[in-house]
Amino acid sequence: MDVARLGELERAVMEVLWARDEPVSVRAVHAALGDRGLAYTTVMTVLTRLAGKGLVRRSREGRAWLYRPAAAREAYVAELMLEALELSGDRGSALVHFAKSVTSDEADALRQALQQGHQPEQQGKQT
């Protein structure tokens, strides 16, 4: 997935897609964003651009295109965080600053993820 920062309308469209368990049509996304007063063609253009950026995948069903996220919201956010680390120049310091700013519950989640992520590697070294 090519990470791109999302504009406000792109983010709103992605929120609709992330909230659905199945691919959706332009019409369904347009309806979900109905309170914004957007033209159908505007929503279609945004979805086409998101597909071009690799953020959504589309498939044909009859005459309609159906859209779904290329990755989960969490994967997208993780890619943004990695991109930000690359910009820091000192990943270690940036990670330390980040770690100091998280809540204890978030720190516990990170600790658990790091332990789980390293277990297969450690098991492989023991055999």
Protein backbone atom coordinates (compact mmCIF):
# COMPACT_ATOMS: atom_id res chain seq x y z
CA MET A 1 0.00 0.00 0.00
CA ASP A 2 1.35 3.35 -1.01
CA VAL A 3 0.76 5.56 2.01
CA ALA A 4 -0.77 8.91 1.27
CA ARG A 5 -2.14 11.46 3.63
CA LEU A 6 -5.85 11.76 3.21
CA GLY A 7 -7.72 14.98 2.69
CA GLU A 8 -10.94 15.60 4.62
CA LEU A 9 -13.24 14.19 1.92
CA GLU A 10 -10.95 11.23 1.23
CA ARG A 11 -10.91 10.46 4.95
CA ALA A 12 -14.72 10.61 5.11
CA VAL A 13 -14.98 8.20 2.17
CA MET A 14 -12.45 5.85 3.76
CA GLU A 15 -14.41 5.95 7.04
CA VAL A 16 -17.48 4.74 5.14
CA LEU A 17 -15.48 1.93 3.54
CA TRP A 18 -13.78 0.91 6.79
CA ALA A 19 -17.17 0.74 8.51
CA ARG A 20 -18.48 -1.83 6.01
CA ASP A 21 -17.76 -5.55 5.99
CA GLU A 22 -18.27 -5.87 2.26
CA PRO A 23 -17.46 -3.92 -0.89
CA VAL A 24 -19.80 -0.99 -1.55
CA SER A 25 -20.97 0.93 -4.59
CA VAL A 26 -20.45 4.60 -5.29
CA ARG A 27 -24.19 5.03 -4.67
CA ALA A 28 -23.89 3.51 -1.18
CA VAL A 29 -20.93 5.73 -0.28
CA HIS A 30 -22.77 8.76 -1.67
CA ALA A 31 -25.82 7.89 0.44
CA ALA A 32 -23.68 7.45 3.56
CA LEU A 33 -22.22 10.92 2.99
CA GLY A 34 -25.63 12.42 2.20
CA ASP A 35 -25.43 15.05 4.92
CA ARG A 36 -22.49 16.67 3.13
CA GLY A 37 -24.49 17.58 0.03
CA LEU A 38 -21.92 16.11 -2.36
CA ALA A 39 -22.57 15.40 -6.01
CA TYR A 40 -22.55 11.72 -6.97
CA THR A 41 -19.75 12.44 -9.46
CA THR A 42 -17.63 13.97 -6.69
CA VAL A 43 -17.85 10.77 -4.65
CA MET A 44 -17.07 8.73 -7.78
CA THR A 45 -14.01 10.88 -8.49
CA VAL A 46 -12.73 10.54 -4.91
CA LEU A 47 -13.13 6.74 -5.04
CA THR A 48 -11.34 6.60 -8.40
CA ARG A 49 -8.45 8.67 -7.02
CA LEU A 50 -8.24 6.51 -3.88
CA ALA A 51 -8.07 3.43 -6.12
CA GLY A 52 -5.29 5.10 -8.11
CA LYS A 53 -3.38 5.72 -4.89
CA GLY A 54 -3.76 2.05 -3.94
CA LEU A 55 -5.86 2.84 -0.87
CA VAL A 56 -8.99 1.13 -2.18
CA ARG A 57 -9.58 -1.83 -4.43
CA ARG A 58 -12.41 -2.00 -6.88
CA SER A 59 -14.18 -4.83 -8.61
CA ARG A 60 -16.94 -4.99 -11.18
CA GLU A 61 -20.38 -6.33 -10.31
CA GLY A 62 -22.64 -6.05 -13.32
CA ARG A 63 -22.39 -2.46 -14.46
CA ALA A 64 -21.34 -1.07 -11.09
CA TRP A 65 -17.92 -0.77 -9.52
CA LEU A 66 -17.67 -1.91 -5.91
CA TYR A 67 -15.04 -0.49 -3.59
CA ARG A 68 -13.34 -1.79 -0.47
CA PRO A 69 -10.33 -0.63 1.53
CA ALA A 70 -7.00 -2.07 0.41
CA ALA A 71 -6.04 -2.39 4.08
CA ALA A 72 -7.62 -2.02 7.49
CA ARG A 73 -7.65 1.38 9.14
CA GLU A 74 -5.08 0.15 11.67
CA ALA A 75 -2.67 -0.88 8.91
CA TYR A 76 -3.06 2.51 7.24
CA VAL A 77 -2.36 4.35 10.51
CA ALA A 78 0.64 2.11 11.20
CA GLU A 79 2.06 2.98 7.76
CA LEU A 80 1.62 6.69 8.52
CA MET A 81 3.46 6.21 11.81
CA LEU A 82 6.32 4.43 10.05
CA GLU A 83 6.48 7.23 7.49
CA ALA A 84 6.69 9.76 10.32
CA LEU A 85 9.53 7.77 11.91
CA GLU A 86 11.45 7.94 8.64
CA LEU A 87 11.12 11.73 8.68
CA SER A 88 12.52 12.00 12.21
CA GLY A 89 16.14 11.29 11.32
CA ASP A 90 16.51 9.45 14.63
CA ARG A 91 13.94 6.68 14.87
CA GLY A 92 15.06 5.64 18.35
CA SER A 93 14.58 9.09 19.85
CA ALA A 94 11.25 9.52 18.10
CA LEU A 95 10.08 6.16 19.46
CA VAL A 96 11.18 7.12 22.98
CA HIS A 97 9.26 10.41 22.76
CA PHE A 98 6.23 8.55 21.44
CA ALA A 99 6.45 5.90 24.18
CA LYS A 100 6.52 8.62 26.85
CA SER A 101 3.29 10.09 25.50
CA VAL A 102 1.11 6.96 25.49
CA THR A 103 -1.28 5.92 28.24
CA SER A 104 -0.49 2.92 30.43
CA ASP A 105 -3.11 0.86 28.56
CA GLU A 106 -1.49 1.78 25.23
CA ALA A 107 1.95 0.93 26.65
CA ASP A 108 0.62 -2.47 27.77
CA ALA A 109 -0.77 -3.09 24.27
CA LEU A 110 2.61 -2.19 22.74
CA ARG A 111 4.46 -4.42 25.20
CA GLN A 112 2.17 -7.34 24.44
CA ALA A 113 2.47 -6.82 20.67
CA LEU A 114 6.25 -6.67 20.88
CA GLN A 115 6.39 -9.87 22.94
CA GLN A 116 4.08 -11.68 20.52
CA GLY A 117 5.99 -10.38 17.53
CA HIS A 118 9.29 -11.69 18.85
CA GLN A 119 8.15 -15.11 20.08
CA PRO A 120 8.26 -16.92 16.70
CA GLU A 121 11.75 -15.55 16.06
CA GLN A 122 12.98 -16.67 19.48
CA GLN A 123 11.43 -20.11 19.06
CA GLY A 124 13.12 -20.50 15.69
CA LYS A 125 16.53 -19.76 17.25
CA GLN A 126 16.08 -22.37 19.98
CA THR A 127 15.63 -25.30 17.60
